[in-house]
Protein backbone atom coordinates (compact mmCIF):
# COMPACT_ATOMS: atom_id res chain seq x y z
CA MET A 1 -25.52 -32.16 -44.89
CA THR A 2 -26.15 -31.93 -41.17
CA GLU A 3 -26.44 -34.92 -38.91
CA GLN A 4 -29.94 -36.20 -38.29
CA LEU A 5 -30.72 -36.41 -34.60
CA SER A 6 -34.46 -36.80 -34.75
CA GLY A 7 -34.28 -40.41 -35.94
CA ARG A 8 -36.01 -39.54 -39.22
CA TRP A 9 -34.23 -40.01 -42.51
CA PRO A 10 -34.26 -37.32 -45.16
CA ALA A 11 -36.56 -38.04 -48.08
CA LYS A 12 -33.61 -38.07 -50.49
CA HIS A 13 -32.47 -41.32 -48.83
CA SER A 14 -35.86 -43.07 -48.99
CA HIS A 15 -34.53 -45.48 -51.64
CA LEU A 16 -32.31 -46.96 -48.93
CA TYR A 17 -35.18 -47.95 -46.60
CA PRO A 18 -35.14 -51.60 -47.80
CA LEU A 19 -31.42 -51.77 -47.00
CA LEU A 20 -32.09 -50.44 -43.51
CA ILE A 21 -34.75 -53.07 -42.93
CA ILE A 22 -32.24 -55.75 -43.94
CA LEU A 23 -29.67 -54.28 -41.53
CA VAL A 24 -32.16 -54.37 -38.65
CA MET A 25 -33.15 -57.95 -39.44
CA ALA A 26 -29.49 -59.00 -39.66
CA ALA A 27 -28.65 -57.32 -36.35
CA THR A 28 -31.60 -59.04 -34.67
CA THR A 29 -30.59 -62.41 -36.10
CA VAL A 30 -26.99 -62.02 -34.89
CA ALA A 31 -28.19 -61.12 -31.38
CA GLN A 32 -30.54 -64.13 -31.30
CA GLU A 33 -27.81 -66.51 -32.56
CA ASN A 34 -25.38 -65.21 -29.96
CA ARG A 35 -27.87 -65.81 -27.16
CA LEU A 36 -28.41 -69.38 -28.39
CA ASN A 37 -24.66 -69.94 -28.53
CA GLY A 38 -24.13 -68.68 -24.97
CA GLN A 39 -22.36 -65.50 -26.05
CA ASP A 40 -24.18 -63.15 -23.74
CA SER A 41 -20.85 -62.04 -22.27
CA VAL A 42 -19.66 -60.85 -25.70
CA GLU A 43 -22.94 -58.99 -26.19
CA GLU A 44 -22.69 -57.41 -22.74
CA PHE A 45 -19.05 -56.50 -23.40
CA ALA A 46 -20.02 -54.84 -26.69
CA LEU A 47 -22.71 -52.84 -24.89
CA ALA A 48 -20.20 -51.75 -22.25
CA LEU A 49 -17.72 -50.68 -24.94
CA VAL A 50 -20.36 -48.68 -26.80
CA ALA A 51 -21.40 -46.89 -23.60
CA ALA A 52 -17.83 -46.19 -22.46
CA GLY A 53 -15.66 -43.18 -23.23
CA SER A 54 -12.40 -43.67 -25.13
CA GLN A 55 -10.20 -44.02 -22.03
CA GLU A 56 -12.59 -46.49 -20.41
CA ARG A 57 -12.80 -48.44 -23.70
CA SER A 58 -9.03 -48.86 -23.72
CA GLU A 59 -9.11 -50.14 -20.15
CA LEU A 60 -11.97 -52.55 -20.89
CA LEU A 61 -10.19 -53.91 -23.97
CA ALA A 62 -7.00 -54.41 -21.95
CA GLN A 63 -8.90 -56.24 -19.19
CA ARG A 64 -10.94 -58.55 -21.44
CA LYS A 65 -8.52 -59.57 -24.19
CA GLU A 66 -10.19 -62.99 -24.46
CA LEU A 67 -13.37 -61.32 -25.74
CA ILE A 68 -11.64 -59.48 -28.58
CA THR A 69 -12.95 -61.76 -31.31
CA VAL A 70 -14.89 -61.77 -34.56
CA ASP A 71 -18.04 -62.15 -32.45
CA LEU A 72 -17.23 -58.88 -30.67
CA ARG A 73 -16.72 -57.15 -34.02
CA LYS A 74 -20.10 -58.44 -35.19
CA GLN A 75 -21.80 -57.25 -32.01
CA LEU A 76 -20.24 -53.81 -32.37
CA VAL A 77 -21.33 -53.58 -36.00
CA SER A 78 -24.87 -54.49 -34.94
CA ARG A 79 -24.81 -51.68 -32.36
CA GLY A 80 -23.42 -49.28 -34.95
CA ASN A 81 -26.19 -50.29 -37.36
CA MET A 82 -28.83 -49.44 -34.76
CA LEU A 83 -27.26 -46.02 -34.23
CA LEU A 84 -27.06 -45.44 -37.99
CA ILE A 85 -30.69 -46.42 -38.49
CA GLY A 86 -31.62 -43.96 -35.74
CA GLY A 87 -29.84 -41.21 -37.64
CA ARG A 88 -27.12 -40.91 -34.99
CA TYR A 89 -24.23 -40.74 -37.42
CA SER A 90 -21.36 -39.60 -35.18
CA PRO A 91 -21.93 -42.27 -32.50
CA ALA A 92 -22.38 -44.89 -35.25
CA LEU A 93 -19.07 -43.81 -36.78
CA ASP A 94 -17.34 -44.13 -33.40
CA VAL A 95 -18.69 -47.66 -32.94
CA TYR A 96 -17.76 -48.72 -36.49
CA ILE A 97 -14.22 -47.40 -35.98
CA LEU A 98 -14.03 -49.34 -32.71
CA ALA A 99 -15.20 -52.47 -34.55
CA GLN A 100 -12.60 -51.87 -37.25
CA ASN A 101 -9.89 -51.52 -34.60
CA VAL A 102 -11.00 -54.86 -33.13
CA SER A 103 -10.74 -56.40 -36.60
CA LEU A 104 -7.28 -54.92 -37.13
CA ARG A 105 -6.15 -56.21 -33.74
CA ILE A 106 -7.16 -59.81 -34.51
CA GLY A 107 -6.25 -59.80 -38.21
CA ASP A 108 -9.87 -60.16 -39.38
CA ARG A 109 -9.57 -58.94 -42.99
CA GLU A 110 -13.23 -59.50 -43.76
CA GLY A 111 -14.12 -57.52 -40.65
CA ILE A 112 -11.81 -54.70 -41.69
CA ALA A 113 -13.61 -54.51 -45.02
CA ALA A 114 -17.09 -54.85 -43.50
CA THR A 115 -16.47 -52.05 -41.04
CA GLY A 116 -14.96 -49.94 -43.82
CA LEU A 117 -18.17 -50.41 -45.79
CA ASN A 118 -20.17 -49.22 -42.77
CA ILE A 119 -17.84 -46.28 -42.16
CA GLY A 120 -18.26 -45.31 -45.81
CA THR A 121 -22.03 -45.38 -45.37
CA VAL A 122 -21.83 -43.00 -42.41
CA TYR A 123 -19.63 -40.63 -44.41
CA TYR A 124 -22.10 -40.85 -47.30
CA PHE A 125 -25.03 -39.85 -45.08
CA GLN A 126 -22.97 -37.04 -43.59
CA GLY A 127 -22.31 -35.76 -47.10
CA ASN A 128 -18.58 -36.41 -46.90
CA TYR A 129 -18.40 -38.09 -50.28
CA ALA A 130 -14.60 -38.13 -50.69
CA LEU A 131 -14.12 -40.09 -47.45
CA ALA A 132 -17.09 -42.33 -48.28
CA ALA A 133 -15.57 -43.18 -51.67
CA GLU A 134 -12.21 -43.91 -50.05
CA GLN A 135 -13.79 -46.34 -47.56
CA TYR A 136 -15.95 -48.03 -50.21
CA GLN A 137 -12.92 -48.48 -52.49
CA LYS A 138 -10.78 -50.00 -49.72
CA ALA A 139 -13.63 -52.31 -48.72
CA ARG A 140 -14.14 -53.40 -52.33
CA GLU A 141 -10.47 -54.25 -52.69
CA VAL A 142 -10.39 -56.43 -49.56
CA PHE A 143 -13.71 -58.13 -50.34
CA THR A 144 -12.37 -58.93 -53.81
CA GLU A 145 -9.15 -60.34 -52.30
CA VAL A 146 -11.05 -62.62 -49.91
CA GLY A 147 -13.48 -63.70 -52.64
CA ASP A 148 -16.68 -62.17 -51.23
CA LYS A 149 -18.40 -61.03 -54.41
CA THR A 150 -21.64 -60.01 -52.68
CA GLU A 151 -19.93 -57.62 -50.29
CA ALA A 152 -17.65 -56.34 -53.09
CA ALA A 153 -20.84 -55.54 -55.05
CA LYS A 154 -22.23 -53.62 -52.05
CA SER A 155 -19.03 -51.59 -52.02
CA ILE A 156 -19.40 -50.85 -55.73
CA PHE A 157 -23.02 -49.81 -55.11
CA GLY A 158 -21.78 -47.42 -52.42
CA LEU A 159 -19.26 -45.96 -54.85
CA ALA A 160 -22.01 -45.53 -57.44
CA MET A 161 -24.18 -43.66 -54.93
CA VAL A 162 -21.26 -41.38 -54.06
CA TYR A 163 -20.55 -40.62 -57.69
CA LYS A 164 -24.24 -39.95 -58.33
CA GLU A 165 -24.36 -37.44 -55.46
CA GLN A 166 -21.16 -35.78 -56.64
CA ARG A 167 -22.58 -35.50 -60.15
CA ASN A 168 -25.82 -34.02 -58.80
CA GLN A 169 -23.88 -31.45 -56.79
CA THR A 170 -21.79 -30.53 -59.83
CA TRP A 171 -24.91 -30.03 -61.97
CA TYR A 172 -26.52 -27.95 -59.24
CA TYR A 173 -23.55 -25.58 -58.98
CA LEU A 174 -23.13 -25.34 -62.76
CA SER A 175 -26.80 -24.52 -63.29
CA ARG A 176 -26.81 -21.60 -60.86
């Protein structure tokens, strides 16, 4: 599967449109809550990180250690969601990996799992089902450990979608 750059989703993923709407609504809600809580600097920092190259990101993270928080991870995930919804899979993956690194740095296990779930979704849409399954499985394990049944269920759903696609591909090649 090639990466979508036009911002339009392939018809085979139309069943995921409701999930995308939920992601957009959640991202908007997080941004509004952060503005109300005076967290504009975290939002601005997340924007700067997303726009920066890898070397500049490292420098920014070293300069603003006080902003490396769960709120930053959430802002980065929101930015990654917007890129994913726009069909910009590679940039979304970069942002999700950055968010996961933030979570690893601060010991945010739920954040590690949440970003793993998002990384798995990017791999799924890119057609890299083995990596998607690996990310979904890791996310499920951590969500189960921390007691988040809803997010663990989302991970299981992701695994089910991967297995369905793998089965469809197997049937396609066997029927040729």
